[in-house]
Amino acid sequence: MAPSVRLAVVSDTHGNVQLLSSALSLSRAGGRLDAVIHLGDEHTDLEGLTIEGEEALGVPGLQHPSYGGGTTPIALVRRMGGVTMAMAHQPSDLPSLRDFPGPRLFLHGHTHSLALSAEPSGVRFNPGHLSGRVDRGRPPSFGIVEIAEDGVAIRGVSVAGQCMLESHWPMELLARKGA
């Protein structure tokens, strides 16, 4: 089934606009993007890199002056394609979403580690980092999230275009009630 919403998810670019640009080019090669989500450190790297029709969403990371200062929200909650998404740089800044009905997806960065897991009330995804060729022993990566009527496909992709992880989550699993 064709996705109704297609997202590029990036984190921890730390000024490496070249890797960010490469990740966005690879993401667009697979089809149009509805939005690009930057999960901090440094969300302002995204400025000027989105194209017409793409929404740019971002949260500040720890190194941004507005983090925790009240001028920029440290977490966003957004509903796209029937899925409620919580977005933050640090995992501890993610809201619970327990009061939101339906499918839930939690997106965060900070650890520089590509990760995907089931949580009591949805699915958690960290796209890794785009800060350098290797950081903290991990290669650079980003995510592609495709939301369709039957579920959500999540891929972690290297900047060389290699799929590093891939999973499909049925809407019923994303809609579990929990903490």
C-alpha atoms as a PDB file:
ATOM      1  CA  MET A   1       0.000   0.000   0.000  1.00  0.00           C
ATOM      2  CA  ALA A   2       1.335   3.427  -0.922  1.00  0.00           C
ATOM      3  CA  PRO A   3       2.148   5.653   2.043  1.00  0.00           C
ATOM      4  CA  SER A   4      -0.161   8.562   2.764  1.00  0.00           C
ATOM      5  CA  VAL A   5       2.623  10.388   4.620  1.00  0.00           C
ATOM      6  CA  ARG A   6       6.369  10.088   4.036  1.00  0.00           C
ATOM      7  CA  LEU A   7       8.887  11.619   6.434  1.00  0.00           C
ATOM      8  CA  ALA A   8      12.656  11.992   6.667  1.00  0.00           C
ATOM      9  CA  VAL A   9      13.810  11.913  10.301  1.00  0.00           C
ATOM     10  CA  VAL A  10      17.274  13.202  11.220  1.00  0.00           C
ATOM     11  CA  SER A  11      19.144  14.013  14.404  1.00  0.00           C
ATOM     12  CA  ASP A  12      22.448  15.178  15.791  1.00  0.00           C
ATOM     13  CA  THR A  13      23.871  16.872  12.717  1.00  0.00           C
ATOM     14  CA  HIS A  14      26.065  19.183  14.831  1.00  0.00           C
ATOM     15  CA  GLY A  15      26.635  21.501  11.868  1.00  0.00           C
ATOM     16  CA  ASN A  16      27.386  18.779   9.322  1.00  0.00           C
ATOM     17  CA  VAL A  17      25.138  20.172   6.597  1.00  0.00           C
ATOM     18  CA  GLN A  18      26.905  18.052   3.956  1.00  0.00           C
ATOM     19  CA  LEU A  19      25.780  14.755   5.537  1.00  0.00           C
ATOM     20  CA  LEU A  20      22.327  16.219   6.213  1.00  0.00           C
ATOM     21  CA  SER A  21      22.003  17.223   2.564  1.00  0.00           C
ATOM     22  CA  SER A  22      23.097  13.734   1.453  1.00  0.00           C
ATOM     23  CA  ALA A  23      20.528  12.126   3.739  1.00  0.00           C
ATOM     24  CA  LEU A  24      17.764  14.336   2.361  1.00  0.00           C
ATOM     25  CA  SER A  25      18.773  13.541  -1.235  1.00  0.00           C
ATOM     26  CA  LEU A  26      18.640   9.808  -0.477  1.00  0.00           C
ATOM     27  CA  SER A  27      15.261  10.262   1.240  1.00  0.00           C
ATOM     28  CA  ARG A  28      13.821  12.143  -1.745  1.00  0.00           C
ATOM     29  CA  ALA A  29      15.108   9.512  -4.179  1.00  0.00           C
ATOM     30  CA  GLY A  30      12.539   7.119  -2.696  1.00  0.00           C
ATOM     31  CA  GLY A  31       9.630   9.480  -3.346  1.00  0.00           C
ATOM     32  CA  ARG A  32       8.236  12.824  -2.263  1.00  0.00           C
ATOM     33  CA  LEU A  33       8.598  13.841   1.379  1.00  0.00           C
ATOM     34  CA  ASP A  34       5.736  15.439   3.263  1.00  0.00           C
ATOM     35  CA  ALA A  35       8.006  16.626   6.068  1.00  0.00           C
ATOM     36  CA  VAL A  36      11.554  16.613   7.347  1.00  0.00           C
ATOM     37  CA  ILE A  37      11.879  16.241  11.103  1.00  0.00           C
ATOM     38  CA  HIS A  38      15.083  17.316  12.852  1.00  0.00           C
ATOM     39  CA  LEU A  39      15.377  16.050  16.434  1.00  0.00           C
ATOM     40  CA  GLY A  40      18.010  18.468  17.631  1.00  0.00           C
ATOM     41  CA  ASP A  41      21.681  19.191  17.883  1.00  0.00           C
ATOM     42  CA  GLU A  42      21.324  21.175  15.689  1.00  0.00           C
ATOM     43  CA  HIS A  43      17.798  21.666  14.314  1.00  0.00           C
ATOM     44  CA  THR A  44      18.726  24.965  12.647  1.00  0.00           C
ATOM     45  CA  ASP A  45      20.996  23.022  10.246  1.00  0.00           C
ATOM     46  CA  LEU A  46      17.784  22.247   8.357  1.00  0.00           C
ATOM     47  CA  GLU A  47      17.240  25.892   7.354  1.00  0.00           C
ATOM     48  CA  GLY A  48      17.236  26.283   3.584  1.00  0.00           C
ATOM     49  CA  LEU A  49      17.438  22.550   2.855  1.00  0.00           C
ATOM     50  CA  THR A  50      13.761  21.705   2.492  1.00  0.00           C
ATOM     51  CA  ILE A  51      12.049  22.034  -0.869  1.00  0.00           C
ATOM     52  CA  GLU A  52       8.612  23.246  -1.847  1.00  0.00           C
ATOM     53  CA  GLY A  53       5.882  21.076  -0.368  1.00  0.00           C
ATOM     54  CA  GLU A  54       8.026  19.751   2.492  1.00  0.00           C
ATOM     55  CA  GLU A  55       7.227  20.852   6.004  1.00  0.00           C
ATOM     56  CA  ALA A  56      10.239  21.411   8.266  1.00  0.00           C
ATOM     57  CA  LEU A  57       9.782  20.443  11.916  1.00  0.00           C
ATOM     58  CA  GLY A  58      12.482  20.683  14.528  1.00  0.00           C
ATOM     59  CA  VAL A  59      13.196  20.651  18.224  1.00  0.00           C
ATOM     60  CA  PRO A  60      16.295  22.134  19.851  1.00  0.00           C
ATOM     61  CA  GLY A  61      19.020  19.943  21.224  1.00  0.00           C
ATOM     62  CA  LEU A  62      21.025  20.439  24.379  1.00  0.00           C
ATOM     63  CA  GLN A  63      23.565  22.657  22.635  1.00  0.00           C
ATOM     64  CA  HIS A  64      20.995  25.149  21.353  1.00  0.00           C
ATOM     65  CA  PRO A  65      20.679  28.347  23.446  1.00  0.00           C
ATOM     66  CA  SER A  66      16.869  28.068  23.510  1.00  0.00           C
ATOM     67  CA  TYR A  67      16.890  24.544  24.985  1.00  0.00           C
ATOM     68  CA  GLY A  68      15.017  24.706  28.263  1.00  0.00           C
ATOM     69  CA  GLY A  69      14.837  28.493  28.066  1.00  0.00           C
ATOM     70  CA  GLY A  70      11.155  28.575  27.236  1.00  0.00           C
ATOM     71  CA  THR A  71      11.521  30.356  23.884  1.00  0.00           C
ATOM     72  CA  THR A  72      11.384  27.184  21.789  1.00  0.00           C
ATOM     73  CA  PRO A  73       9.442  24.072  22.839  1.00  0.00           C
ATOM     74  CA  ILE A  74      11.758  21.156  23.657  1.00  0.00           C
ATOM     75  CA  ALA A  75       9.092  18.691  22.517  1.00  0.00           C
ATOM     76  CA  LEU A  76       6.469  18.709  19.787  1.00  0.00           C
ATOM     77  CA  VAL A  77       3.343  16.625  19.405  1.00  0.00           C
ATOM     78  CA  ARG A  78       1.970  16.321  15.903  1.00  0.00           C
ATOM     79  CA  ARG A  79      -0.635  14.111  14.243  1.00  0.00           C
ATOM     80  CA  MET A  80       0.167  13.052  10.673  1.00  0.00           C
ATOM     81  CA  GLY A  81      -1.454  10.309   8.621  1.00  0.00           C
ATOM     82  CA  GLY A  82      -3.524   9.219  11.608  1.00  0.00           C
ATOM     83  CA  VAL A  83      -0.466   8.729  13.864  1.00  0.00           C
ATOM     84  CA  THR A  84       0.315  10.951  16.848  1.00  0.00           C
ATOM     85  CA  MET A  85       4.045  11.630  17.042  1.00  0.00           C
ATOM     86  CA  ALA A  86       5.971  12.984  20.003  1.00  0.00           C
ATOM     87  CA  MET A  87       9.326  14.524  19.047  1.00  0.00           C
ATOM     88  CA  ALA A  88      12.164  15.590  21.339  1.00  0.00           C
ATOM     89  CA  HIS A  89      15.935  15.577  21.416  1.00  0.00           C
ATOM     90  CA  GLN A  90      16.365  13.705  24.690  1.00  0.00           C
ATOM     91  CA  PRO A  91      14.280  10.598  25.389  1.00  0.00           C
ATOM     92  CA  SER A  92      13.452  11.991  28.846  1.00  0.00           C
ATOM     93  CA  ASP A  93      11.795  15.046  27.227  1.00  0.00           C
ATOM     94  CA  LEU A  94       9.235  12.971  25.321  1.00  0.00           C
ATOM     95  CA  PRO A  95       5.651  13.404  26.561  1.00  0.00           C
ATOM     96  CA  SER A  96       3.824  10.175  27.399  1.00  0.00           C
ATOM     97  CA  LEU A  97       0.937  10.551  24.888  1.00  0.00           C
ATOM     98  CA  ARG A  98      -1.168   8.237  27.088  1.00  0.00           C
ATOM     99  CA  ASP A  99      -4.121  10.601  26.704  1.00  0.00           C
ATOM    100  CA  PHE A 100      -3.903  10.610  22.905  1.00  0.00           C
ATOM    101  CA  PRO A 101      -6.144   8.060  21.169  1.00  0.00           C
ATOM    102  CA  GLY A 102      -4.921   5.909  18.327  1.00  0.00           C
ATOM    103  CA  PRO A 103      -1.474   5.064  16.996  1.00  0.00           C
ATOM    104  CA  ARG A 104       1.544   6.675  18.670  1.00  0.00           C
ATOM    105  CA  LEU A 105       5.159   7.099  17.597  1.00  0.00           C
ATOM    106  CA  PHE A 106       7.954   8.529  19.757  1.00  0.00           C
ATOM    107  CA  LEU A 107      10.910  10.130  17.948  1.00  0.00           C
ATOM    108  CA  HIS A 108      14.110  11.273  19.650  1.00  0.00           C
ATOM    109  CA  GLY A 109      17.822  11.742  19.104  1.00  0.00           C
ATOM    110  CA  HIS A 110      20.639  12.505  21.556  1.00  0.00           C
ATOM    111  CA  THR A 111      22.296   9.075  21.884  1.00  0.00           C
ATOM    112  CA  HIS A 112      23.687   9.063  18.300  1.00  0.00           C
ATOM    113  CA  SER A 113      22.537   5.433  18.131  1.00  0.00           C
ATOM    114  CA  LEU A 114      20.095   4.109  15.528  1.00  0.00           C
ATOM    115  CA  ALA A 115      17.385   2.302  17.515  1.00  0.00           C
ATOM    116  CA  LEU A 116      13.815   1.083  17.181  1.00  0.00           C
ATOM    117  CA  SER A 117      11.726  -0.518  19.922  1.00  0.00           C
ATOM    118  CA  ALA A 118       8.198  -1.277  21.058  1.00  0.00           C
ATOM    119  CA  GLU A 119       7.091   0.701  24.108  1.00  0.00           C
ATOM    120  CA  PRO A 120       4.054   0.177  26.349  1.00  0.00           C
ATOM    121  CA  SER A 121       2.138   2.887  24.471  1.00  0.00           C
ATOM    122  CA  GLY A 122       3.624   2.894  20.973  1.00  0.00           C
ATOM    123  CA  VAL A 123       6.908   2.649  19.094  1.00  0.00           C
ATOM    124  CA  ARG A 124      10.150   4.551  19.805  1.00  0.00           C
ATOM    125  CA  PHE A 125      12.610   5.460  17.042  1.00  0.00           C
ATOM    126  CA  ASN A 126      16.015   7.155  17.124  1.00  0.00           C
ATOM    127  CA  PRO A 127      17.443   7.816  13.635  1.00  0.00           C
ATOM    128  CA  GLY A 128      21.049   7.920  14.883  1.00  0.00           C
ATOM    129  CA  HIS A 129      23.322  10.818  13.930  1.00  0.00           C
ATOM    130  CA  LEU A 130      24.684  12.770  10.979  1.00  0.00           C
ATOM    131  CA  SER A 131      27.506  14.473  12.841  1.00  0.00           C
ATOM    132  CA  GLY A 132      30.461  12.791  11.147  1.00  0.00           C
ATOM    133  CA  ARG A 133      31.637   9.693   9.371  1.00  0.00           C
ATOM    134  CA  VAL A 134      31.825   7.753  12.637  1.00  0.00           C
ATOM    135  CA  ASP A 135      30.719   9.115  15.991  1.00  0.00           C
ATOM    136  CA  ARG A 136      30.788   7.213  19.257  1.00  0.00           C
ATOM    137  CA  GLY A 137      31.742   4.169  17.202  1.00  0.00           C
ATOM    138  CA  ARG A 138      28.563   4.381  15.110  1.00  0.00           C
ATOM    139  CA  PRO A 139      28.219   5.191  11.409  1.00  0.00           C
ATOM    140  CA  PRO A 140      25.976   8.109  10.390  1.00  0.00           C
ATOM    141  CA  SER A 141      22.327   7.271   9.753  1.00  0.00           C
ATOM    142  CA  PHE A 142      18.878   8.768   9.359  1.00  0.00           C
ATOM    143  CA  GLY A 143      15.305   7.530   9.198  1.00  0.00           C
ATOM    144  CA  ILE A 144      12.489   7.262   6.726  1.00  0.00           C
ATOM    145  CA  VAL A 145       8.995   6.860   8.154  1.00  0.00           C
ATOM    146  CA  GLU A 146       6.120   5.948   5.858  1.00  0.00           C
ATOM    147  CA  ILE A 147       2.605   6.046   7.252  1.00  0.00           C
ATOM    148  CA  ALA A 148      -0.071   4.102   5.385  1.00  0.00           C
ATOM    149  CA  GLU A 149      -3.571   2.934   6.237  1.00  0.00           C
ATOM    150  CA  ASP A 150      -2.357  -0.489   7.390  1.00  0.00           C
ATOM    151  CA  GLY A 151       0.592   0.676   9.507  1.00  0.00           C
ATOM    152  CA  VAL A 152       3.911   2.448   9.723  1.00  0.00           C
ATOM    153  CA  ALA A 153       7.102   1.383   7.980  1.00  0.00           C
ATOM    154  CA  ILE A 154      10.299   2.616   9.615  1.00  0.00           C
ATOM    155  CA  ARG A 155      13.752   2.350   8.068  1.00  0.00           C
ATOM    156  CA  GLY A 156      17.128   3.334   9.388  1.00  0.00           C
ATOM    157  CA  VAL A 157      19.419   4.161   6.476  1.00  0.00           C
ATOM    158  CA  SER A 158      23.165   4.825   6.233  1.00  0.00           C
ATOM    159  CA  VAL A 159      24.434   7.842   4.325  1.00  0.00           C
ATOM    160  CA  ALA A 160      25.674   5.330   1.734  1.00  0.00           C
ATOM    161  CA  GLY A 161      22.022   4.384   1.147  1.00  0.00           C
ATOM    162  CA  GLN A 162      22.214   0.977   2.859  1.00  0.00           C
ATOM    163  CA  CYS A 163      19.178  -0.085   4.902  1.00  0.00           C
ATOM    164  CA  MET A 164      20.469  -0.729   8.433  1.00  0.00           C
ATOM    165  CA  LEU A 165      17.134  -1.616  10.026  1.00  0.00           C
ATOM    166  CA  GLU A 166      13.607  -1.976   8.750  1.00  0.00           C
ATOM    167  CA  SER A 167      10.312  -2.788  10.382  1.00  0.00           C
ATOM    168  CA  HIS A 168       6.595  -2.495   9.750  1.00  0.00           C
ATOM    169  CA  TRP A 169       4.294  -1.756  12.663  1.00  0.00           C
ATOM    170  CA  PRO A 170       0.545  -2.417  12.309  1.00  0.00           C
ATOM    171  CA  MET A 171      -1.683   0.428  13.504  1.00  0.00           C
ATOM    172  CA  GLU A 172      -3.107  -1.825  16.250  1.00  0.00           C
ATOM    173  CA  LEU A 173       0.328  -2.226  17.837  1.00  0.00           C
ATOM    174  CA  LEU A 174       1.016   1.503  17.663  1.00  0.00           C
ATOM    175  CA  ALA A 175      -2.328   2.156  19.392  1.00  0.00           C
ATOM    176  CA  ARG A 176      -1.666   0.087  22.528  1.00  0.00           C
ATOM    177  CA  LYS A 177      -2.617   1.700  25.798  1.00  0.00           C
ATOM    178  CA  GLY A 178       0.165   2.026  28.309  1.00  0.00           C
ATOM    179  CA  ALA A 179       2.270   4.274  30.446  1.00  0.00           C
END
